[in-house]
Amino acid sequence: MIAEFKEKKAQETTSLISTTIDTSNGPKFINGLRLKLVQLKIKFTLLKVILKCYYNPIVWIQSLRYLIKLRRRFLGNIKVHKMVYINGKYHIGLYTPGWNSSLYEKFIASNLNDFKPIKLVEVNRFNNIFFAITKKCALQCEHCFEWDNLNKKETLSDDQLMEVVKRIQDKGVSQIHLSGGEPLIRMDAILKILNHADKSTNFWVVTSGFKLNNTNAKRLKEAGLKGAVISLDHFIPEKHNTFRNFKDAFYWVEEAVKNANNNNLITALSLCTTKDFISEENLMSYMELAKKLKVSFVQFLEPKAVGHYVNKDVLLNPQQIGVLENFFIKMNFTNKFGNYPLITYHGYYQRRQGCLSAGKKGIYIDTDGDMNPCPFCHKKNGNVLDSNFNSNLNILQSAGCSSYN
């Protein structure tokens, strides 16, 4: 009864929030029999990839066991209860390419390469790269990890941005997330990157929503952008505006989601789960709004003592982490919430599997082109444009992640 009351209260809170979002476009969440049929087809895809990668039948069996073991390390014995279907592809997570696609097959092959090196097919070195392309931003967010560099003179020219992307793509990468600052302030540079980049990579923008009007959403889609990760840190407009120190922040989130959906870009909301925010009621209200806005994913980011949060007591305690983890499991892996956005929660996976960034499967490239383990771990280790790029990348990988090794 208490749980039902809390969920009802959360729904009533969200219903008070006015929004002008046109929800005619957006994702479809699948479950039940259709989900089982898609999962069966995915298993056949896994077998097909394994057969392409290795000659030896013994290795086929070992590879399949490896993939099963890898999944269990992330999720235990929890069963998937939903996927999101959008633009002809089925997605199980924000940072996994959609099935059925050649990029999904390369993603699987690239993970198999960690089990046993593959010579028969091409694999990607990276799953995900975060690349901050500008220091400029109209907002002054409470948790900004690039706070010390904000609104300083740009270091990299448009041509250098494109060269960084080329060097990363030459290694092979499934996704590149363009961030900042506010990346859309450098709209022309994004379009140049998209128009000149190899189409084997999915490109996303990580944005506050600022300037993601319908015209820009259309131009980005036509240039090849896959989706937008839009930051929203409270379901109450005034509280989000305060967190972002920008009076129109919530308005731009609404506009960004609407315009992205209307132009068939995949949408995700990104939430910084601060100590003050974490409660079952707040999380449920947030998910009700995310559902109303028709986004495909919601991303939970735990606050880190970096940037504007440096030397501040922002790290979550075990009880707060427990609330987040239980909510994540409830929303993603129970039938009751089958038509809500999928939640991506990095901390949950990192505590069980370790960090897959820090040069392993991803890196963070800052606004100077320097390589860092991730956006929340600023330990520069060489520049992508340096002649020592390869050796510096190996050093970064060897050092690993100080928080989740």
Protein backbone atom coordinates (compact mmCIF):
# COMPACT_ATOMS: atom_id res chain seq x y z
CA MET A 1 0.00 0.00 0.00
CA ILE A 2 2.81 2.42 0.90
CA ALA A 3 4.60 1.72 -2.40
CA GLU A 4 1.36 2.24 -4.36
CA PHE A 5 0.73 5.52 -2.53
CA LYS A 6 4.27 6.74 -3.35
CA GLU A 7 3.91 5.89 -7.03
CA LYS A 8 0.49 7.57 -7.18
CA LYS A 9 1.93 10.66 -5.49
CA ALA A 10 4.80 10.74 -7.98
CA GLN A 11 2.37 10.53 -10.90
CA GLU A 12 0.28 13.36 -9.48
CA THR A 13 3.40 15.50 -9.08
CA THR A 14 4.39 14.97 -12.69
CA SER A 15 0.87 15.75 -13.92
CA LEU A 16 1.28 19.27 -12.53
CA ILE A 17 4.22 19.93 -14.83
CA SER A 18 3.14 21.70 -18.00
CA THR A 19 4.89 20.66 -21.18
CA THR A 20 4.39 21.51 -24.82
CA ILE A 21 6.06 18.36 -26.11
CA ASP A 22 4.48 16.82 -29.19
CA THR A 23 4.57 13.10 -28.35
CA SER A 24 3.38 11.83 -31.72
CA ASN A 25 6.90 10.57 -32.46
CA GLY A 26 9.16 8.53 -30.27
CA PRO A 27 10.14 5.00 -29.27
CA LYS A 28 8.11 1.84 -28.88
CA PHE A 29 8.90 -0.46 -25.97
CA ILE A 30 8.54 -4.16 -26.64
CA ASN A 31 8.07 -7.03 -24.23
CA GLY A 32 6.23 -10.32 -23.94
CA LEU A 33 6.15 -12.63 -26.95
CA ARG A 34 7.60 -10.08 -29.35
CA LEU A 35 10.56 -9.58 -27.02
CA LYS A 36 11.17 -13.33 -26.86
CA LEU A 37 11.13 -13.58 -30.65
CA VAL A 38 13.64 -10.75 -30.99
CA GLN A 39 15.86 -12.30 -28.32
CA LEU A 40 15.80 -15.58 -30.24
CA LYS A 41 16.87 -13.77 -33.41
CA ILE A 42 19.65 -12.01 -31.49
CA LYS A 43 20.94 -15.42 -30.32
CA PHE A 44 21.16 -16.50 -33.95
CA THR A 45 23.05 -13.28 -34.71
CA LEU A 46 25.51 -14.08 -31.92
CA LEU A 47 26.06 -17.54 -33.39
CA LYS A 48 26.54 -16.05 -36.85
CA VAL A 49 29.16 -13.61 -35.53
CA ILE A 50 30.99 -16.38 -33.67
CA LEU A 51 31.10 -18.55 -36.79
CA LYS A 52 32.51 -15.63 -38.79
CA CYS A 53 35.17 -14.87 -36.21
CA TYR A 54 36.62 -18.34 -35.56
CA TYR A 55 37.27 -21.55 -37.46
CA ASN A 56 37.53 -23.92 -34.51
CA PRO A 57 34.24 -25.51 -33.30
CA ILE A 58 35.68 -25.75 -29.77
CA VAL A 59 36.24 -21.99 -29.79
CA TRP A 60 32.63 -21.51 -30.95
CA ILE A 61 31.40 -23.12 -27.75
CA GLN A 62 33.94 -21.28 -25.61
CA SER A 63 32.94 -17.96 -27.21
CA LEU A 64 29.26 -18.51 -26.52
CA ARG A 65 30.06 -19.35 -22.89
CA TYR A 66 32.19 -16.21 -22.69
CA LEU A 67 29.30 -14.01 -23.85
CA ILE A 68 26.95 -15.65 -21.35
CA LYS A 69 29.49 -15.19 -18.56
CA LEU A 70 30.03 -11.57 -19.56
CA ARG A 71 26.32 -10.87 -19.37
CA ARG A 72 26.05 -12.49 -15.95
CA ARG A 73 28.92 -10.37 -14.65
CA PHE A 74 26.90 -7.30 -15.55
CA LEU A 75 23.39 -8.40 -14.58
CA GLY A 76 23.61 -11.65 -12.65
CA ASN A 77 20.59 -13.83 -13.40
CA ILE A 78 18.23 -10.90 -14.04
CA LYS A 79 16.23 -11.36 -17.22
CA VAL A 80 15.66 -8.58 -19.74
CA HIS A 81 12.00 -7.55 -19.74
CA LYS A 82 11.97 -4.88 -22.45
CA MET A 83 13.76 -3.36 -25.41
CA VAL A 84 13.20 -0.11 -27.22
CA TYR A 85 12.37 -0.16 -30.94
CA ILE A 86 13.13 2.98 -32.89
CA ASN A 87 14.11 3.75 -36.48
CA GLY A 88 14.00 0.06 -37.41
CA LYS A 89 16.44 -1.11 -34.71
CA TYR A 90 16.05 -2.85 -31.35
CA HIS A 91 18.06 -1.39 -28.48
CA ILE A 92 18.94 -2.94 -25.12
CA GLY A 93 21.01 -0.01 -23.86
CA LEU A 94 22.13 3.53 -24.61
CA TYR A 95 25.73 2.51 -25.31
CA THR A 96 25.05 -0.62 -27.35
CA PRO A 97 24.38 -0.31 -31.09
CA GLY A 98 20.91 -1.33 -32.15
CA TRP A 99 20.14 -4.79 -33.47
CA ASN A 100 19.71 -5.65 -36.39
CA SER A 101 22.71 -3.83 -37.87
CA SER A 102 26.23 -4.47 -39.09
CA LEU A 103 27.50 -2.19 -36.32
CA TYR A 104 25.85 -4.42 -33.72
CA GLU A 105 27.63 -7.44 -35.19
CA LYS A 106 30.96 -5.60 -35.13
CA PHE A 107 30.24 -4.59 -31.52
CA ILE A 108 29.82 -8.26 -30.57
CA ALA A 109 32.94 -9.26 -32.51
CA SER A 110 34.91 -6.51 -30.78
CA ASN A 111 33.93 -7.84 -27.37
CA LEU A 112 34.77 -11.39 -28.44
CA ASN A 113 38.21 -10.09 -29.42
CA ASP A 114 38.88 -9.53 -25.71
CA PHE A 115 38.30 -13.26 -25.15
CA LYS A 116 40.36 -14.50 -28.09
CA PRO A 117 41.98 -12.24 -30.72
CA ILE A 118 40.14 -12.27 -34.04
CA LYS A 119 41.86 -12.28 -37.42
CA LEU A 120 38.97 -13.16 -39.72
CA VAL A 121 36.83 -10.02 -39.38
CA GLU A 122 37.40 -6.35 -38.57
CA VAL A 123 36.84 -5.24 -34.98
CA ASN A 124 36.61 -1.88 -33.24
CA ARG A 125 39.20 -0.77 -30.69
CA PHE A 126 36.64 1.32 -28.79
CA ASN A 127 33.00 0.97 -27.86
CA ASN A 128 32.45 4.60 -26.85
CA ILE A 129 34.43 7.82 -27.07
CA PHE A 130 33.45 11.09 -25.40
CA PHE A 131 34.90 14.11 -27.17
CA ALA A 132 34.45 17.64 -25.80
CA ILE A 133 34.53 19.87 -28.87
CA THR A 134 34.07 23.29 -27.25
CA LYS A 135 34.80 25.23 -24.07
CA LYS A 136 31.82 27.52 -24.64
CA CYS A 137 28.56 27.24 -22.74
CA ALA A 138 25.67 29.57 -21.90
CA LEU A 139 24.94 27.65 -18.68
CA GLN A 140 26.84 27.38 -15.41
CA CYS A 141 25.80 23.97 -14.11
CA GLU A 142 26.27 22.99 -10.50
CA HIS A 143 28.11 19.75 -11.37
CA CYS A 144 30.05 20.83 -14.49
CA PHE A 145 33.16 18.65 -14.86
CA GLU A 146 34.74 21.10 -17.33
CA TRP A 147 34.24 24.09 -15.01
CA ASP A 148 37.90 25.17 -15.01
CA ASN A 149 37.96 25.37 -18.82
CA LEU A 150 34.53 26.92 -19.34
CA ASN A 151 34.29 29.82 -21.82
CA LYS A 152 38.03 30.09 -22.34
CA LYS A 153 39.57 30.47 -25.79
CA GLU A 154 39.11 27.44 -28.04
CA THR A 155 42.21 25.32 -28.59
CA LEU A 156 41.17 23.09 -31.48
CA SER A 157 40.16 24.37 -34.92
CA ASP A 158 37.42 22.71 -36.96
CA ASP A 159 40.07 20.90 -39.01
CA GLN A 160 41.76 19.64 -35.84
CA LEU A 161 38.42 18.40 -34.49
CA MET A 162 37.95 16.42 -37.68
CA GLU A 163 41.49 15.05 -37.45
CA VAL A 164 40.88 13.86 -33.88
CA VAL A 165 37.74 12.04 -35.03
CA LYS A 166 39.62 10.50 -37.96
CA ARG A 167 42.38 9.16 -35.70
CA ILE A 168 39.83 7.61 -33.38
CA GLN A 169 37.87 6.12 -36.28
CA ASP A 170 41.05 4.68 -37.74
CA LYS A 171 41.25 2.62 -34.53
CA GLY A 172 37.62 1.60 -34.88
CA VAL A 173 34.81 2.91 -32.66
CA SER A 174 31.11 2.11 -32.31
CA GLN A 175 29.94 5.43 -30.85
CA ILE A 176 31.34 8.95 -30.53
CA HIS A 177 29.54 11.31 -28.15
CA LEU A 178 30.24 14.97 -28.89
CA SER A 179 30.10 17.08 -25.73
CA GLY A 180 31.49 20.32 -24.35
CA GLY A 181 30.79 22.87 -22.91
CA GLU A 182 27.64 23.04 -24.96
CA PRO A 183 28.44 21.36 -28.30
CA LEU A 184 25.57 22.96 -30.21
CA ILE A 185 27.20 26.36 -29.78
CA ARG A 186 29.69 24.96 -32.30
CA MET A 187 27.00 23.74 -34.67
CA ASP A 188 28.97 24.29 -37.89
CA ALA A 189 31.87 22.25 -36.53
CA ILE A 190 29.53 19.36 -35.65
CA LEU A 191 28.14 19.38 -39.19
CA LYS A 192 31.66 19.31 -40.63
CA ILE A 193 32.58 16.38 -38.38
CA LEU A 194 29.45 14.44 -39.36
CA ASN A 195 29.79 15.14 -43.06
CA HIS A 196 33.46 14.12 -43.20
CA ALA A 197 33.41 11.19 -40.77
CA ASP A 198 33.24 7.55 -41.76
CA LYS A 199 29.64 6.32 -41.53
CA SER A 200 30.68 3.17 -39.61
CA THR A 201 30.31 5.05 -36.30
CA ASN A 202 27.15 6.23 -34.54
CA PHE A 203 27.44 9.89 -33.50
CA TRP A 204 25.58 11.48 -30.58
CA VAL A 205 25.52 14.93 -29.02
CA VAL A 206 25.58 15.37 -25.25
CA THR A 207 23.70 18.61 -24.71
CA SER A 208 21.75 20.79 -22.32
CA GLY A 209 19.27 21.12 -25.15
CA PHE A 210 20.35 24.70 -25.80
CA LYS A 211 19.87 25.59 -29.48
CA LEU A 212 18.45 22.19 -30.42
CA ASN A 213 15.62 23.81 -32.35
CA ASN A 214 13.81 22.06 -35.18
CA THR A 215 16.10 23.49 -37.87
CA ASN A 216 19.25 22.31 -36.13
CA ALA A 217 17.72 18.90 -35.33
CA LYS A 218 16.87 18.45 -39.01
CA ARG A 219 20.36 19.51 -40.15
CA LEU A 220 22.00 17.16 -37.65
CA LYS A 221 19.83 14.23 -38.70
CA GLU A 222 20.53 14.84 -42.38
CA ALA A 223 24.28 14.97 -41.63
CA GLY A 224 24.12 11.57 -39.93
CA LEU A 225 23.61 12.18 -36.20
CA LYS A 226 22.17 9.17 -34.39
CA GLY A 227 20.79 10.71 -31.23
CA ALA A 228 20.94 13.27 -28.44
CA VAL A 229 21.66 12.79 -24.74
CA ILE A 230 19.90 15.73 -23.10
CA SER A 231 20.69 16.74 -19.52
CA LEU A 232 17.71 17.10 -17.18
CA ASP A 233 18.41 17.17 -13.46
CA HIS A 234 14.95 17.66 -11.98
CA PHE A 235 11.34 17.08 -13.01
CA ILE A 236 10.36 20.46 -11.52
CA PRO A 237 11.32 23.21 -14.01
CA GLU A 238 12.44 25.77 -11.42
CA LYS A 239 14.74 23.29 -9.69
CA HIS A 240 16.36 22.23 -12.94
CA ASN A 241 16.83 25.88 -13.93
CA THR A 242 18.49 26.57 -10.57
CA PHE A 243 20.79 23.54 -10.90
CA ARG A 244 21.83 24.74 -14.34
CA ASN A 245 21.93 28.43 -13.34
CA PHE A 246 19.97 29.28 -16.50
CA LYS A 247 16.37 30.48 -16.46
CA ASP A 248 15.42 28.74 -19.74
CA ALA A 249 17.19 25.44 -19.10
CA PHE A 250 14.01 23.37 -18.67
CA TYR A 251 12.40 25.02 -21.69
CA TRP A 252 15.34 24.00 -23.85
CA VAL A 253 15.11 20.41 -22.62
CA GLU A 254 11.47 20.30 -23.73
CA GLU A 255 12.33 21.84 -27.08
CA ALA A 256 15.30 19.55 -27.62
CA VAL A 257 13.34 16.36 -26.94
CA LYS A 258 10.43 17.46 -29.11
CA ASN A 259 12.61 18.50 -32.04
CA ALA A 260 14.87 15.46 -31.82
CA ASN A 261 11.89 13.09 -31.76
CA ASN A 262 10.23 14.92 -34.64
CA ASN A 263 13.37 14.40 -36.73
CA ASN A 264 13.83 10.72 -35.82
CA LEU A 265 16.83 11.23 -33.57
CA ILE A 266 17.03 8.85 -30.62
CA THR A 267 16.57 10.74 -27.35
CA ALA A 268 17.92 10.13 -23.87
CA LEU A 269 17.72 12.15 -20.66
CA SER A 270 20.77 12.32 -18.40
CA LEU A 271 20.25 12.83 -14.66
CA CYS A 272 22.91 13.77 -12.11
CA THR A 273 21.61 11.84 -9.09
CA THR A 274 22.58 14.19 -6.28
CA LYS A 275 22.15 13.40 -2.59
CA ASP A 276 19.28 15.88 -2.29
CA PHE A 277 17.44 14.34 -5.24
CA ILE A 278 17.62 10.64 -4.43
CA SER A 279 14.32 9.23 -3.19
CA GLU A 280 11.85 6.72 -4.57
CA GLU A 281 9.27 9.50 -5.07
CA ASN A 282 11.63 11.81 -6.96
CA LEU A 283 12.97 9.03 -9.18
CA MET A 284 9.46 7.88 -10.04
CA SER A 285 8.33 11.43 -10.83
CA TYR A 286 11.35 11.81 -13.09
CA MET A 287 10.53 8.60 -14.94
CA GLU A 288 6.90 9.65 -15.37
CA LEU A 289 8.11 12.83 -17.04
CA ALA A 290 10.62 10.90 -19.18
CA LYS A 291 7.79 8.62 -20.29
CA LYS A 292 5.60 11.60 -21.11
CA LEU A 293 8.36 13.19 -23.15
CA LYS A 294 8.80 9.91 -25.04
CA VAL A 295 12.53 9.47 -24.65
CA SER A 296 14.10 6.08 -25.24
CA PHE A 297 16.62 6.11 -22.39
CA VAL A 298 17.34 7.70 -19.03
CA GLN A 299 20.94 7.82 -17.83
CA PHE A 300 21.84 7.89 -14.13
CA LEU A 301 25.15 9.62 -13.37
CA GLU A 302 26.52 9.58 -9.85
CA PRO A 303 28.06 12.94 -8.84
CA LYS A 304 31.86 13.03 -8.68
CA ALA A 305 34.16 15.47 -6.88
CA VAL A 306 35.59 16.98 -10.05
CA GLY A 307 35.23 20.32 -11.85
CA HIS A 308 32.70 22.52 -10.06
CA TYR A 309 32.21 19.75 -7.47
CA VAL A 310 35.91 19.45 -6.59
CA ASN A 311 36.57 19.20 -2.84
CA LYS A 312 32.84 19.03 -2.17
CA ASP A 313 30.99 16.29 -0.29
CA VAL A 314 28.99 14.97 -3.24
CA LEU A 315 29.76 11.24 -3.30
CA LEU A 316 26.77 9.01 -2.57
CA ASN A 317 26.65 6.84 0.53
CA PRO A 318 25.78 3.11 0.43
CA GLN A 319 22.14 3.74 1.36
CA GLN A 320 21.67 6.22 -1.51
CA ILE A 321 23.38 3.86 -3.92
CA GLY A 322 21.04 1.11 -2.72
CA VAL A 323 17.98 3.26 -3.53
CA LEU A 324 19.32 3.88 -7.05
CA GLU A 325 20.21 0.25 -7.70
CA ASN A 326 16.87 -1.07 -6.47
CA PHE A 327 15.00 1.49 -8.54
CA PHE A 328 17.11 0.66 -11.61
CA ILE A 329 16.33 -3.06 -11.27
CA LYS A 330 12.63 -2.42 -10.67
CA MET A 331 12.21 -0.16 -13.70
CA ASN A 332 14.27 -2.18 -16.16
CA PHE A 333 13.64 -5.77 -15.14
CA THR A 334 10.04 -6.10 -13.97
CA ASN A 335 6.96 -6.41 -16.15
CA LYS A 336 5.10 -3.58 -14.41
CA PHE A 337 7.21 -0.87 -16.02
CA GLY A 338 7.47 -2.27 -19.53
CA ASN A 339 6.48 0.98 -21.26
CA TYR A 340 8.94 3.27 -19.45
CA PRO A 341 12.32 4.37 -20.87
CA LEU A 342 15.28 2.05 -20.35
CA ILE A 343 17.64 3.19 -17.61
CA THR A 344 21.40 3.15 -18.12
CA TYR A 345 23.23 3.22 -14.79
CA HIS A 346 27.02 3.16 -15.13
CA GLY A 347 27.76 2.87 -11.42
CA TYR A 348 25.73 -0.35 -11.17
CA TYR A 349 27.80 -2.01 -13.87
CA GLN A 350 31.12 -0.56 -12.77
CA ARG A 351 30.77 -1.93 -9.24
CA ARG A 352 30.30 -5.42 -10.71
CA GLN A 353 32.43 -5.42 -13.85
CA GLY A 354 34.94 -2.62 -13.38
CA CYS A 355 35.31 0.46 -15.55
CA LEU A 356 35.33 -0.16 -19.29
CA SER A 357 36.70 3.30 -20.05
CA ALA A 358 40.25 4.40 -19.12
CA GLY A 359 41.58 3.20 -22.46
CA LYS A 360 39.97 -0.24 -22.31
CA LYS A 361 36.83 0.32 -24.36
CA GLY A 362 36.66 4.09 -24.21
CA ILE A 363 38.37 7.37 -23.34
CA TYR A 364 37.46 10.98 -22.77
CA ILE A 365 39.07 13.53 -25.10
CA ASP A 366 38.91 17.00 -23.60
CA THR A 367 38.68 20.38 -25.31
CA ASP A 368 42.46 20.46 -25.83
CA GLY A 369 42.52 17.04 -27.50
CA ASP A 370 44.11 15.45 -24.43
CA MET A 371 43.19 11.90 -23.43
CA ASN A 372 41.64 11.23 -20.02
CA PRO A 373 40.23 8.01 -18.51
CA CYS A 374 36.66 9.39 -18.53
CA PRO A 375 34.77 12.72 -18.21
CA PHE A 376 34.91 12.41 -14.41
CA CYS A 377 38.57 11.39 -14.13
CA HIS A 378 40.84 14.17 -15.38
CA LYS A 379 44.27 12.59 -15.64
CA LYS A 380 45.72 13.76 -18.93
CA ASN A 381 47.88 11.26 -20.74
CA GLY A 382 49.01 12.68 -24.05
CA ASN A 383 47.15 14.23 -26.93
CA VAL A 384 45.29 12.43 -29.71
CA LEU A 385 47.09 14.60 -32.29
CA ASP A 386 50.55 13.77 -30.90
CA SER A 387 52.88 11.40 -32.70
CA ASN A 388 52.94 9.35 -29.47
CA PHE A 389 49.19 8.75 -29.58
CA ASN A 390 49.47 4.96 -29.65
CA SER A 391 51.98 4.61 -26.83
CA ASN A 392 50.11 7.13 -24.67
CA LEU A 393 46.90 5.18 -25.22
CA ASN A 394 48.64 2.01 -24.04
CA ILE A 395 49.89 3.81 -20.91
CA LEU A 396 46.36 5.06 -20.20
CA GLN A 397 44.96 1.55 -20.52
CA SER A 398 47.66 0.09 -18.27
CA ALA A 399 46.94 2.63 -15.55
CA GLY A 400 43.22 1.80 -15.68
CA CYS A 401 40.52 3.38 -13.54
CA SER A 402 41.43 4.42 -10.00
CA SER A 403 37.82 4.07 -8.78
CA TYR A 404 36.62 0.85 -10.44
CA ASN A 405 39.64 -1.34 -11.21
